[in-house]
Amino acid sequence: MRRGSTMKKNSWACFLLILAGIVIGGFIGDLFPAAWLNYGQTFGLTNPIVLDLGILVISFALTIKITVASILGVILALVIYHFL
């Protein structure tokens, strides 16, 4: 019997594999300068929001870049998770 069919799969393992797929896909997209791998969209806060409390200054910023390579990394991570 397969291990995955008798036990409940861990959602944290799936999340970590997807995160690793995003990181590895982005790394591969930067490593190989093919134009179609780096094609994508960037969205988020380009200028950080600054909260100045006098003695403490906090900056909030978040930018997400979705590329073809990162999407391929997520698909590969999901395939690997399915067969674990």
Protein backbone atom coordinates (compact mmCIF):
# COMPACT_ATOMS: atom_id res chain seq x y z
CA MET A 1 0.00 0.00 0.00
CA ARG A 2 1.11 3.51 -0.68
CA ARG A 3 1.88 5.61 2.33
CA GLY A 4 -0.19 8.56 1.08
CA SER A 5 -3.36 6.51 0.67
CA THR A 6 -3.54 5.40 4.31
CA MET A 7 -2.36 8.55 6.09
CA LYS A 8 -3.64 12.10 5.94
CA LYS A 9 -1.24 14.33 4.05
CA ASN A 10 0.32 17.18 5.96
CA SER A 11 -0.77 20.62 4.74
CA TRP A 12 2.42 22.21 6.13
CA ALA A 13 4.48 19.92 3.92
CA CYS A 14 2.45 21.07 0.92
CA PHE A 15 2.92 24.73 1.88
CA LEU A 16 6.68 24.30 2.32
CA LEU A 17 6.99 22.45 -1.00
CA ILE A 18 5.06 25.20 -2.80
CA LEU A 19 7.25 27.85 -1.16
CA ALA A 20 10.38 25.93 -2.18
CA GLY A 21 8.98 25.64 -5.71
CA ILE A 22 8.49 29.41 -5.89
CA VAL A 23 12.03 30.09 -4.65
CA ILE A 24 13.69 27.49 -6.88
CA GLY A 25 11.62 28.58 -9.89
CA GLY A 26 12.62 32.21 -9.34
CA PHE A 27 16.26 31.17 -8.98
CA ILE A 28 16.13 29.18 -12.22
CA GLY A 29 14.45 32.14 -13.96
CA ASP A 30 17.30 34.41 -12.87
CA LEU A 31 19.99 31.84 -13.62
CA PHE A 32 18.94 31.19 -17.23
CA PRO A 33 18.30 34.49 -19.02
CA ALA A 34 15.55 33.12 -21.29
CA ALA A 35 13.00 35.85 -21.89
CA TRP A 36 9.99 33.56 -21.55
CA LEU A 37 11.07 32.23 -18.12
CA ASN A 38 11.28 35.73 -16.63
CA TYR A 39 8.02 36.94 -18.18
CA GLY A 40 5.60 37.90 -15.44
CA GLN A 41 3.99 40.56 -13.33
CA THR A 42 5.14 42.43 -10.22
CA PHE A 43 2.61 43.89 -7.82
CA GLY A 44 2.51 45.20 -4.29
CA LEU A 45 3.70 48.29 -2.43
CA THR A 46 6.59 49.85 -4.33
CA ASN A 47 7.01 52.71 -1.86
CA PRO A 48 7.09 51.54 1.76
CA ILE A 49 4.55 52.81 4.27
CA VAL A 50 6.44 54.41 7.16
CA LEU A 51 5.10 54.55 10.70
CA ASP A 52 7.14 57.05 12.76
CA LEU A 53 6.53 56.70 16.51
CA GLY A 54 9.26 59.09 17.63
CA ILE A 55 11.82 56.64 19.00
CA LEU A 56 10.76 53.79 16.71
CA VAL A 57 10.31 53.89 12.94
CA ILE A 58 8.60 50.94 11.23
CA SER A 59 8.47 50.49 7.45
CA PHE A 60 5.96 48.24 5.72
CA ALA A 61 6.52 47.06 2.16
CA LEU A 62 5.56 43.97 0.19
CA THR A 63 6.28 43.19 -3.45
CA ILE A 64 5.40 39.92 -5.18
CA LYS A 65 6.85 38.93 -8.54
CA ILE A 66 5.08 36.10 -10.36
CA THR A 67 6.99 34.69 -13.34
CA VAL A 68 6.61 31.70 -15.63
CA ALA A 69 9.55 30.01 -13.89
CA SER A 70 7.94 30.37 -10.46
CA ILE A 71 4.65 28.97 -11.76
CA LEU A 72 6.53 25.99 -13.20
CA GLY A 73 8.21 25.55 -9.81
CA VAL A 74 4.82 25.49 -8.06
CA ILE A 75 3.47 22.92 -10.53
CA LEU A 76 6.54 20.74 -9.99
CA ALA A 77 6.15 21.05 -6.20
CA LEU A 78 2.49 19.99 -6.41
CA VAL A 79 3.40 16.98 -8.56
CA ILE A 80 6.07 15.96 -6.05
CA TYR A 81 3.61 16.40 -3.17
CA HIS A 82 1.03 14.26 -4.96
CA PHE A 83 3.45 11.35 -5.29
CA LEU A 84 4.79 11.50 -1.69
